[in-house]
Amino acid sequence: MSIKINDQVIPDWAIERQAEALFENVARGMPGKPREIIMMSALDLAKDRLIDQALMAQESRRRKYKVDSIDLQKRIKQWLKQNGGKKAFEKINNPMIRNHDDLKRELSDQMRFNQLLEEESQCETISEAEALQYYEDRPELFRTEELLAASHFLKMGKTEEELEQALEAVKAIRVRLDKGEDFTELVRAESDDKGNDGNLGTFGKGRMVPEFEQAAYAMKPGELSQPVKTQFGWHLIQLHDRIAPKVTPFEDIKEKVIEYLTERKKDKVFEAFLDRLKAEATIEEVAGI
């Protein structure tokens, strides 16, 4: 079914192409769902977006916003450069841009949309007091994670036989370390990962493979781990330090919080404006075109 917004009709093929372009993004948010269900959601999202775009285009034209021709030409050249030059129209998956005239119209509309957005999202900047309240209500957003500083010794292996040999080698290295040999020197001489002498720098959770992370976060500074198996082989981990979380002072983050909250406020103001446009518009499904 096509959609009619006031006097403008969006054909069913445009809705379908827009849905196809959105399909992968929608699918990522619906893991495990059947393709048919994902496509239905993509179609609904495509309709909503195209309705919003149509209403903004109509309102922008009604207000007769000017489009600077020099700026428009710059945007056209930039778009073509970013999307493959002369073959861009063949490569992109956009139902609304099939040739140069479509591109010119689309970019002109975007420039008018920007003027409409700027005009209809005007609001007072968030105050410092409001930003402080947001900061105090959500301390977890401004607290750094606990970091570890560590080095490792690695013997790689893929087959069962290679992994058995790697484990025996790592066990032997650990014995030598227990007897007082230097960790860095042994890494340089015998590790399969000699980069930066085995020093991994600092890292937080989610940076290392799970088995390595679990072992490292269970250690105390100065400790040497027992052999740890990961997808890369067998490791020995030397933990240098645990860097405790700290809260970023409000004064250091104040401007960014004010900017973030003001942009959110602008978004809400514009969403309310769009809702008013929808309420005043005639939107209906019509026979496919």
C-alpha atoms as a PDB file:
ATOM      1  CA  MET A   1       0.000   0.000   0.000  1.00  0.00           C
ATOM      2  CA  SER A   2       1.160   3.527  -0.783  1.00  0.00           C
ATOM      3  CA  ILE A   3       0.803   6.387   1.697  1.00  0.00           C
ATOM      4  CA  LYS A   4      -0.816   9.757   1.038  1.00  0.00           C
ATOM      5  CA  ILE A   5       0.328  12.647   3.222  1.00  0.00           C
ATOM      6  CA  ASN A   6      -1.884  15.632   2.533  1.00  0.00           C
ATOM      7  CA  ASP A   7      -1.557  15.928  -1.270  1.00  0.00           C
ATOM      8  CA  GLN A   8       1.698  13.941  -1.569  1.00  0.00           C
ATOM      9  CA  VAL A   9       1.744  10.222  -2.343  1.00  0.00           C
ATOM     10  CA  ILE A  10       4.672   8.012  -1.349  1.00  0.00           C
ATOM     11  CA  PRO A  11       4.537   4.948  -3.635  1.00  0.00           C
ATOM     12  CA  ASP A  12       4.730   1.426  -2.233  1.00  0.00           C
ATOM     13  CA  TRP A  13       7.987   0.732  -4.115  1.00  0.00           C
ATOM     14  CA  ALA A  14       9.669   3.655  -2.295  1.00  0.00           C
ATOM     15  CA  ILE A  15       8.496   2.307   1.072  1.00  0.00           C
ATOM     16  CA  GLU A  16       9.764  -1.172   0.190  1.00  0.00           C
ATOM     17  CA  ARG A  17      13.173   0.112  -0.928  1.00  0.00           C
ATOM     18  CA  GLN A  18      13.509   2.189   2.213  1.00  0.00           C
ATOM     19  CA  ALA A  19      12.626  -0.873   4.304  1.00  0.00           C
ATOM     20  CA  GLU A  20      15.269  -2.917   2.491  1.00  0.00           C
ATOM     21  CA  ALA A  21      17.849  -0.228   3.249  1.00  0.00           C
ATOM     22  CA  LEU A  22      16.870  -0.323   6.944  1.00  0.00           C
ATOM     23  CA  PHE A  23      16.621  -4.114   7.174  1.00  0.00           C
ATOM     24  CA  GLU A  24      20.109  -4.865   8.521  1.00  0.00           C
ATOM     25  CA  ASN A  25      19.913  -2.200  11.235  1.00  0.00           C
ATOM     26  CA  VAL A  26      16.478  -3.449  12.320  1.00  0.00           C
ATOM     27  CA  ALA A  27      17.707  -7.067  12.299  1.00  0.00           C
ATOM     28  CA  ARG A  28      20.568  -6.211  14.684  1.00  0.00           C
ATOM     29  CA  GLY A  29      18.011  -5.038  17.217  1.00  0.00           C
ATOM     30  CA  MET A  30      15.868  -8.181  16.803  1.00  0.00           C
ATOM     31  CA  PRO A  31      18.321 -11.119  17.092  1.00  0.00           C
ATOM     32  CA  GLY A  32      16.748 -14.512  16.439  1.00  0.00           C
ATOM     33  CA  LYS A  33      13.505 -13.136  15.009  1.00  0.00           C
ATOM     34  CA  PRO A  34      12.127 -14.561  11.722  1.00  0.00           C
ATOM     35  CA  ARG A  35      12.947 -12.585   8.584  1.00  0.00           C
ATOM     36  CA  GLU A  36       9.246 -11.887   8.006  1.00  0.00           C
ATOM     37  CA  ILE A  37       8.869 -10.230  11.416  1.00  0.00           C
ATOM     38  CA  ILE A  38      12.007  -8.148  10.867  1.00  0.00           C
ATOM     39  CA  MET A  39      10.738  -6.999   7.467  1.00  0.00           C
ATOM     40  CA  MET A  40       7.394  -5.977   8.974  1.00  0.00           C
ATOM     41  CA  SER A  41       9.230  -3.849  11.531  1.00  0.00           C
ATOM     42  CA  ALA A  42      11.464  -2.391   8.805  1.00  0.00           C
ATOM     43  CA  LEU A  43       8.376  -1.477   6.751  1.00  0.00           C
ATOM     44  CA  ASP A  44       6.772   0.254   9.750  1.00  0.00           C
ATOM     45  CA  LEU A  45       9.985   2.190  10.412  1.00  0.00           C
ATOM     46  CA  ALA A  46      10.296   3.087   6.727  1.00  0.00           C
ATOM     47  CA  LYS A  47       6.728   4.447   6.681  1.00  0.00           C
ATOM     48  CA  ASP A  48       7.337   6.536   9.801  1.00  0.00           C
ATOM     49  CA  ARG A  49      10.547   8.007   8.403  1.00  0.00           C
ATOM     50  CA  LEU A  50       9.078   8.782   5.003  1.00  0.00           C
ATOM     51  CA  ILE A  51       6.012  10.401   6.594  1.00  0.00           C
ATOM     52  CA  ASP A  52       8.267  12.587   8.766  1.00  0.00           C
ATOM     53  CA  GLN A  53      10.375  13.540   5.742  1.00  0.00           C
ATOM     54  CA  ALA A  54       7.290  14.376   3.671  1.00  0.00           C
ATOM     55  CA  LEU A  55       5.810  16.545   6.405  1.00  0.00           C
ATOM     56  CA  MET A  56       9.099  18.387   6.926  1.00  0.00           C
ATOM     57  CA  ALA A  57       9.487  18.898   3.168  1.00  0.00           C
ATOM     58  CA  GLN A  58       5.951  20.251   2.879  1.00  0.00           C
ATOM     59  CA  GLU A  59       6.396  22.595   5.824  1.00  0.00           C
ATOM     60  CA  SER A  60       9.808  23.737   4.561  1.00  0.00           C
ATOM     61  CA  ARG A  61       8.362  24.554   1.153  1.00  0.00           C
ATOM     62  CA  ARG A  62       5.428  26.366   2.762  1.00  0.00           C
ATOM     63  CA  ARG A  63       7.901  28.576   4.614  1.00  0.00           C
ATOM     64  CA  LYS A  64       9.824  29.158   1.372  1.00  0.00           C
ATOM     65  CA  TYR A  65      13.278  28.661   2.839  1.00  0.00           C
ATOM     66  CA  LYS A  66      16.053  29.737   0.488  1.00  0.00           C
ATOM     67  CA  VAL A  67      18.711  27.272  -0.670  1.00  0.00           C
ATOM     68  CA  ASP A  68      22.142  28.731  -1.384  1.00  0.00           C
ATOM     69  CA  SER A  69      23.128  27.472  -4.857  1.00  0.00           C
ATOM     70  CA  ILE A  70      26.884  27.557  -4.172  1.00  0.00           C
ATOM     71  CA  ASP A  71      26.483  25.595  -0.944  1.00  0.00           C
ATOM     72  CA  LEU A  72      24.210  23.130  -2.756  1.00  0.00           C
ATOM     73  CA  GLN A  73      26.796  22.479  -5.471  1.00  0.00           C
ATOM     74  CA  LYS A  74      29.456  21.874  -2.817  1.00  0.00           C
ATOM     75  CA  ARG A  75      27.192  19.341  -1.108  1.00  0.00           C
ATOM     76  CA  ILE A  76      26.463  17.566  -4.400  1.00  0.00           C
ATOM     77  CA  LYS A  77      30.193  17.247  -5.183  1.00  0.00           C
ATOM     78  CA  GLN A  78      30.925  16.041  -1.649  1.00  0.00           C
ATOM     79  CA  TRP A  79      28.114  13.462  -1.814  1.00  0.00           C
ATOM     80  CA  LEU A  80      29.332  12.116  -5.161  1.00  0.00           C
ATOM     81  CA  LYS A  81      32.913  11.918  -3.880  1.00  0.00           C
ATOM     82  CA  GLN A  82      31.853  10.015  -0.752  1.00  0.00           C
ATOM     83  CA  ASN A  83      29.615   7.589  -2.657  1.00  0.00           C
ATOM     84  CA  GLY A  84      31.750   6.555  -5.613  1.00  0.00           C
ATOM     85  CA  GLY A  85      31.643   9.387  -8.119  1.00  0.00           C
ATOM     86  CA  LYS A  86      29.719   8.909 -11.364  1.00  0.00           C
ATOM     87  CA  LYS A  87      28.754   5.353 -10.428  1.00  0.00           C
ATOM     88  CA  ALA A  88      27.309   6.428  -7.064  1.00  0.00           C
ATOM     89  CA  PHE A  89      23.696   6.144  -8.203  1.00  0.00           C
ATOM     90  CA  GLU A  90      24.267   2.498  -9.148  1.00  0.00           C
ATOM     91  CA  LYS A  91      26.010   1.637  -5.870  1.00  0.00           C
ATOM     92  CA  ILE A  92      23.799   3.208  -3.215  1.00  0.00           C
ATOM     93  CA  ASN A  93      20.637   1.582  -1.927  1.00  0.00           C
ATOM     94  CA  ASN A  94      18.433   4.667  -1.634  1.00  0.00           C
ATOM     95  CA  PRO A  95      14.940   4.656  -3.166  1.00  0.00           C
ATOM     96  CA  MET A  96      14.813   8.447  -3.270  1.00  0.00           C
ATOM     97  CA  ILE A  97      18.122   9.066  -5.101  1.00  0.00           C
ATOM     98  CA  ARG A  98      18.304   7.411  -8.514  1.00  0.00           C
ATOM     99  CA  ASN A  99      19.861  10.191 -10.598  1.00  0.00           C
ATOM    100  CA  HIS A 100      21.396  13.673 -10.412  1.00  0.00           C
ATOM    101  CA  ASP A 101      18.020  15.436 -10.301  1.00  0.00           C
ATOM    102  CA  ASP A 102      16.916  13.241  -7.369  1.00  0.00           C
ATOM    103  CA  LEU A 103      20.180  14.059  -5.583  1.00  0.00           C
ATOM    104  CA  LYS A 104      19.749  17.784  -6.120  1.00  0.00           C
ATOM    105  CA  ARG A 105      16.176  17.638  -4.821  1.00  0.00           C
ATOM    106  CA  GLU A 106      17.138  15.482  -1.821  1.00  0.00           C
ATOM    107  CA  LEU A 107      20.049  17.682  -0.760  1.00  0.00           C
ATOM    108  CA  SER A 108      17.950  20.824  -1.250  1.00  0.00           C
ATOM    109  CA  ASP A 109      15.291  19.308   0.996  1.00  0.00           C
ATOM    110  CA  GLN A 110      17.939  18.442   3.602  1.00  0.00           C
ATOM    111  CA  MET A 111      19.168  22.030   3.620  1.00  0.00           C
ATOM    112  CA  ARG A 112      15.588  23.234   4.107  1.00  0.00           C
ATOM    113  CA  PHE A 113      15.070  20.591   6.818  1.00  0.00           C
ATOM    114  CA  ASN A 114      18.114  21.967   8.640  1.00  0.00           C
ATOM    115  CA  GLN A 115      16.599  25.453   8.584  1.00  0.00           C
ATOM    116  CA  LEU A 116      13.298  24.053   9.842  1.00  0.00           C
ATOM    117  CA  LEU A 117      15.078  22.063  12.539  1.00  0.00           C
ATOM    118  CA  GLU A 118      17.019  25.093  13.677  1.00  0.00           C
ATOM    119  CA  GLU A 119      13.862  27.220  13.802  1.00  0.00           C
ATOM    120  CA  GLU A 120      11.596  24.691  15.529  1.00  0.00           C
ATOM    121  CA  SER A 121      14.047  23.307  18.083  1.00  0.00           C
ATOM    122  CA  GLN A 122      14.809  26.632  19.718  1.00  0.00           C
ATOM    123  CA  CYS A 123      14.830  26.390  23.510  1.00  0.00           C
ATOM    124  CA  GLU A 124      16.635  27.792  26.504  1.00  0.00           C
ATOM    125  CA  THR A 125      20.053  26.334  27.241  1.00  0.00           C
ATOM    126  CA  ILE A 126      20.119  23.935  30.172  1.00  0.00           C
ATOM    127  CA  SER A 127      21.225  25.730  33.319  1.00  0.00           C
ATOM    128  CA  GLU A 128      24.288  24.806  35.344  1.00  0.00           C
ATOM    129  CA  ALA A 129      21.982  23.828  38.214  1.00  0.00           C
ATOM    130  CA  GLU A 130      20.073  21.385  35.975  1.00  0.00           C
ATOM    131  CA  ALA A 131      23.344  19.932  34.700  1.00  0.00           C
ATOM    132  CA  LEU A 132      24.601  19.497  38.271  1.00  0.00           C
ATOM    133  CA  GLN A 133      21.393  17.701  39.230  1.00  0.00           C
ATOM    134  CA  TYR A 134      21.808  15.316  36.286  1.00  0.00           C
ATOM    135  CA  TYR A 135      25.456  14.745  37.279  1.00  0.00           C
ATOM    136  CA  GLU A 136      24.583  14.002  40.908  1.00  0.00           C
ATOM    137  CA  ASP A 137      21.679  11.687  40.000  1.00  0.00           C
ATOM    138  CA  ARG A 138      23.826   9.505  37.723  1.00  0.00           C
ATOM    139  CA  PRO A 139      27.281   9.115  39.284  1.00  0.00           C
ATOM    140  CA  GLU A 140      27.886   5.878  37.356  1.00  0.00           C
ATOM    141  CA  LEU A 141      28.024   7.843  34.088  1.00  0.00           C
ATOM    142  CA  PHE A 142      30.956   9.913  35.305  1.00  0.00           C
ATOM    143  CA  ARG A 143      32.941   7.197  37.074  1.00  0.00           C
ATOM    144  CA  THR A 144      35.843   5.593  35.238  1.00  0.00           C
ATOM    145  CA  GLU A 145      36.104   1.806  35.278  1.00  0.00           C
ATOM    146  CA  GLU A 146      38.746  -0.106  37.226  1.00  0.00           C
ATOM    147  CA  LEU A 147      41.788  -0.624  35.013  1.00  0.00           C
ATOM    148  CA  LEU A 148      44.524  -3.218  35.175  1.00  0.00           C
ATOM    149  CA  ALA A 149      48.159  -2.858  34.156  1.00  0.00           C
ATOM    150  CA  ALA A 150      49.700  -6.187  33.176  1.00  0.00           C
ATOM    151  CA  SER A 151      52.190  -8.083  31.047  1.00  0.00           C
ATOM    152  CA  HIS A 152      51.978 -11.595  29.682  1.00  0.00           C
ATOM    153  CA  PHE A 153      54.092 -14.457  28.413  1.00  0.00           C
ATOM    154  CA  LEU A 154      52.506 -16.497  25.594  1.00  0.00           C
ATOM    155  CA  LYS A 155      53.089 -19.844  23.954  1.00  0.00           C
ATOM    156  CA  MET A 156      50.766 -20.287  20.998  1.00  0.00           C
ATOM    157  CA  GLY A 157      49.064 -23.469  19.868  1.00  0.00           C
ATOM    158  CA  LYS A 158      46.135 -24.605  17.734  1.00  0.00           C
ATOM    159  CA  THR A 159      46.128 -28.400  17.655  1.00  0.00           C
ATOM    160  CA  GLU A 160      45.856 -30.538  20.773  1.00  0.00           C
ATOM    161  CA  GLU A 161      49.494 -31.537  20.407  1.00  0.00           C
ATOM    162  CA  GLU A 162      50.642 -27.920  20.021  1.00  0.00           C
ATOM    163  CA  LEU A 163      48.584 -26.858  23.046  1.00  0.00           C
ATOM    164  CA  GLU A 164      50.070 -29.641  25.190  1.00  0.00           C
ATOM    165  CA  GLN A 165      53.573 -28.559  24.186  1.00  0.00           C
ATOM    166  CA  ALA A 166      52.674 -24.905  24.858  1.00  0.00           C
ATOM    167  CA  LEU A 167      51.384 -25.769  28.347  1.00  0.00           C
ATOM    168  CA  GLU A 168      54.547 -27.670  29.229  1.00  0.00           C
ATOM    169  CA  ALA A 169      56.682 -24.764  28.000  1.00  0.00           C
ATOM    170  CA  VAL A 170      54.679 -22.249  30.047  1.00  0.00           C
ATOM    171  CA  LYS A 171      54.909 -24.426  33.161  1.00  0.00           C
ATOM    172  CA  ALA A 172      58.689 -24.585  32.721  1.00  0.00           C
ATOM    173  CA  ILE A 173      58.870 -20.794  32.341  1.00  0.00           C
ATOM    174  CA  ARG A 174      56.873 -20.351  35.530  1.00  0.00           C
ATOM    175  CA  VAL A 175      59.331 -22.533  37.437  1.00  0.00           C
ATOM    176  CA  ARG A 176      62.185 -20.385  36.179  1.00  0.00           C
ATOM    177  CA  LEU A 177      60.315 -17.244  37.223  1.00  0.00           C
ATOM    178  CA  ASP A 178      59.733 -18.687  40.683  1.00  0.00           C
ATOM    179  CA  LYS A 179      63.489 -19.205  40.913  1.00  0.00           C
ATOM    180  CA  GLY A 180      64.092 -15.522  40.269  1.00  0.00           C
ATOM    181  CA  GLU A 181      64.616 -15.119  36.534  1.00  0.00           C
ATOM    182  CA  ASP A 182      63.430 -11.844  35.020  1.00  0.00           C
ATOM    183  CA  PHE A 183      59.962 -11.850  33.407  1.00  0.00           C
ATOM    184  CA  THR A 184      60.844  -9.331  30.684  1.00  0.00           C
ATOM    185  CA  GLU A 185      64.025 -11.159  29.712  1.00  0.00           C
ATOM    186  CA  LEU A 186      62.141 -14.453  29.369  1.00  0.00           C
ATOM    187  CA  VAL A 187      59.469 -12.763  27.241  1.00  0.00           C
ATOM    188  CA  ARG A 188      62.157 -11.367  24.936  1.00  0.00           C
ATOM    189  CA  ALA A 189      63.858 -14.737  24.657  1.00  0.00           C
ATOM    190  CA  GLU A 190      61.000 -17.233  24.441  1.00  0.00           C
ATOM    191  CA  SER A 191      57.496 -15.715  24.248  1.00  0.00           C
ATOM    192  CA  ASP A 192      55.454 -15.945  21.052  1.00  0.00           C
ATOM    193  CA  ASP A 193      54.292 -12.365  21.670  1.00  0.00           C
ATOM    194  CA  LYS A 194      57.381 -10.222  22.176  1.00  0.00           C
ATOM    195  CA  GLY A 195      55.651  -6.966  21.279  1.00  0.00           C
ATOM    196  CA  ASN A 196      56.387  -4.241  23.845  1.00  0.00           C
ATOM    197  CA  ASP A 197      58.201  -6.931  25.875  1.00  0.00           C
ATOM    198  CA  GLY A 198      54.821  -8.496  26.664  1.00  0.00           C
ATOM    199  CA  ASN A 199      53.540  -5.341  28.348  1.00  0.00           C
ATOM    200  CA  LEU A 200      49.822  -4.920  27.617  1.00  0.00           C
ATOM    201  CA  GLY A 201      49.557  -1.429  29.078  1.00  0.00           C
ATOM    202  CA  THR A 202      46.295  -0.671  30.862  1.00  0.00           C
ATOM    203  CA  PHE A 203      42.961  -2.235  29.975  1.00  0.00           C
ATOM    204  CA  GLY A 204      39.427  -2.476  31.300  1.00  0.00           C
ATOM    205  CA  LYS A 205      36.739  -5.107  31.088  1.00  0.00           C
ATOM    206  CA  GLY A 206      35.773  -6.210  27.620  1.00  0.00           C
ATOM    207  CA  ARG A 207      39.205  -5.497  26.133  1.00  0.00           C
ATOM    208  CA  MET A 208      40.686  -8.975  26.572  1.00  0.00           C
ATOM    209  CA  VAL A 209      39.278 -12.420  25.804  1.00  0.00           C
ATOM    210  CA  PRO A 210      37.076 -13.684  28.690  1.00  0.00           C
ATOM    211  CA  GLU A 211      39.468 -16.314  30.091  1.00  0.00           C
ATOM    212  CA  PHE A 212      42.343 -13.830  30.223  1.00  0.00           C
ATOM    213  CA  GLU A 213      40.171 -11.103  31.727  1.00  0.00           C
ATOM    214  CA  GLN A 214      38.735 -13.383  34.404  1.00  0.00           C
ATOM    215  CA  ALA A 215      42.175 -14.522  35.514  1.00  0.00           C
ATOM    216  CA  ALA A 216      43.678 -11.009  35.489  1.00  0.00           C
ATOM    217  CA  TYR A 217      40.831  -9.416  37.491  1.00  0.00           C
ATOM    218  CA  ALA A 218      41.193 -12.123  40.166  1.00  0.00           C
ATOM    219  CA  MET A 219      44.843 -11.213  40.782  1.00  0.00           C
ATOM    220  CA  LYS A 220      46.588  -8.819  43.143  1.00  0.00           C
ATOM    221  CA  PRO A 221      49.332  -6.391  42.052  1.00  0.00           C
ATOM    222  CA  GLY A 222      52.700  -8.137  41.936  1.00  0.00           C
ATOM    223  CA  GLU A 223      51.205 -11.596  41.440  1.00  0.00           C
ATOM    224  CA  LEU A 224      52.101 -14.074  38.712  1.00  0.00           C
ATOM    225  CA  SER A 225      49.263 -16.247  37.457  1.00  0.00           C
ATOM    226  CA  GLN A 226      49.113 -19.959  36.917  1.00  0.00           C
ATOM    227  CA  PRO A 227      48.946 -20.940  33.214  1.00  0.00           C
ATOM    228  CA  VAL A 228      45.833 -19.476  31.555  1.00  0.00           C
ATOM    229  CA  LYS A 229      44.402 -21.006  28.362  1.00  0.00           C
ATOM    230  CA  THR A 230      42.743 -18.801  25.707  1.00  0.00           C
ATOM    231  CA  GLN A 231      42.051 -19.094  21.997  1.00  0.00           C
ATOM    232  CA  PHE A 232      45.637 -17.946  21.380  1.00  0.00           C
ATOM    233  CA  GLY A 233      47.361 -20.582  23.484  1.00  0.00           C
ATOM    234  CA  TRP A 234      48.740 -20.602  27.054  1.00  0.00           C
ATOM    235  CA  HIS A 235      49.648 -17.456  28.978  1.00  0.00           C
ATOM    236  CA  LEU A 236      51.323 -16.391  32.171  1.00  0.00           C
ATOM    237  CA  ILE A 237      50.014 -13.050  33.448  1.00  0.00           C
ATOM    238  CA  GLN A 238      52.022 -10.660  35.577  1.00  0.00           C
ATOM    239  CA  LEU A 239      49.788  -8.032  37.178  1.00  0.00           C
ATOM    240  CA  HIS A 240      51.544  -4.732  37.814  1.00  0.00           C
ATOM    241  CA  ASP A 241      48.749  -2.559  39.192  1.00  0.00           C
ATOM    242  CA  ARG A 242      45.008  -2.116  39.716  1.00  0.00           C
ATOM    243  CA  ILE A 243      43.894   1.433  38.979  1.00  0.00           C
ATOM    244  CA  ALA A 244      40.829   2.246  41.069  1.00  0.00           C
ATOM    245  CA  PRO A 245      37.791   3.948  39.501  1.00  0.00           C
ATOM    246  CA  LYS A 246      37.518   7.700  39.970  1.00  0.00           C
ATOM    247  CA  VAL A 247      34.730  10.186  39.429  1.00  0.00           C
ATOM    248  CA  THR A 248      35.325  13.011  36.943  1.00  0.00           C
ATOM    249  CA  PRO A 249      34.809  16.323  38.814  1.00  0.00           C
ATOM    250  CA  PHE A 250      31.721  18.256  37.741  1.00  0.00           C
ATOM    251  CA  GLU A 251      33.762  21.326  36.823  1.00  0.00           C
ATOM    252  CA  ASP A 252      35.766  19.243  34.338  1.00  0.00           C
ATOM    253  CA  ILE A 253      32.675  17.865  32.602  1.00  0.00           C
ATOM    254  CA  LYS A 254      30.167  20.671  33.149  1.00  0.00           C
ATOM    255  CA  GLU A 255      30.199  22.140  29.626  1.00  0.00           C
ATOM    256  CA  LYS A 256      29.765  18.749  27.970  1.00  0.00           C
ATOM    257  CA  VAL A 257      26.840  17.882  30.243  1.00  0.00           C
ATOM    258  CA  ILE A 258      25.137  21.201  29.483  1.00  0.00           C
ATOM    259  CA  GLU A 259      25.673  20.686  25.742  1.00  0.00           C
ATOM    260  CA  TYR A 260      24.371  17.091  25.859  1.00  0.00           C
ATOM    261  CA  LEU A 261      21.260  17.961  27.870  1.00  0.00           C
ATOM    262  CA  THR A 262      20.510  21.012  25.714  1.00  0.00           C
ATOM    263  CA  GLU A 263      20.685  18.872  22.541  1.00  0.00           C
ATOM    264  CA  ARG A 264      18.317  16.346  24.135  1.00  0.00           C
ATOM    265  CA  LYS A 265      15.949  19.176  25.019  1.00  0.00           C
ATOM    266  CA  LYS A 266      16.079  20.456  21.430  1.00  0.00           C
ATOM    267  CA  ASP A 267      15.276  16.965  20.144  1.00  0.00           C
ATOM    268  CA  LYS A 268      12.182  16.799  22.364  1.00  0.00           C
ATOM    269  CA  VAL A 269      11.026  20.251  21.274  1.00  0.00           C
ATOM    270  CA  PHE A 270      11.348  19.267  17.610  1.00  0.00           C
ATOM    271  CA  GLU A 271       9.629  15.904  18.189  1.00  0.00           C
ATOM    272  CA  ALA A 272       6.682  17.796  19.709  1.00  0.00           C
ATOM    273  CA  PHE A 273       6.605  20.035  16.633  1.00  0.00           C
ATOM    274  CA  LEU A 274       6.580  16.956  14.347  1.00  0.00           C
ATOM    275  CA  ASP A 275       3.753  15.464  16.386  1.00  0.00           C
ATOM    276  CA  ARG A 276       1.741  18.642  15.800  1.00  0.00           C
ATOM    277  CA  LEU A 277       2.377  18.423  12.059  1.00  0.00           C
ATOM    278  CA  LYS A 278       1.156  14.826  12.049  1.00  0.00           C
ATOM    279  CA  ALA A 279      -1.952  15.690  14.058  1.00  0.00           C
ATOM    280  CA  GLU A 280      -2.841  18.439  11.574  1.00  0.00           C
ATOM    281  CA  ALA A 281      -2.051  16.370   8.459  1.00  0.00           C
ATOM    282  CA  THR A 282      -4.231  13.970   6.530  1.00  0.00           C
ATOM    283  CA  ILE A 283      -2.358  10.665   6.393  1.00  0.00           C
ATOM    284  CA  GLU A 284      -3.926   7.634   4.774  1.00  0.00           C
ATOM    285  CA  GLU A 285      -3.067   4.431   2.966  1.00  0.00           C
ATOM    286  CA  VAL A 286      -4.049   4.294  -0.694  1.00  0.00           C
ATOM    287  CA  ALA A 287      -3.928   1.685  -3.414  1.00  0.00           C
ATOM    288  CA  GLY A 288      -0.404   0.721  -4.452  1.00  0.00           C
ATOM    289  CA  ILE A 289       1.353   2.855  -7.049  1.00  0.00           C
END
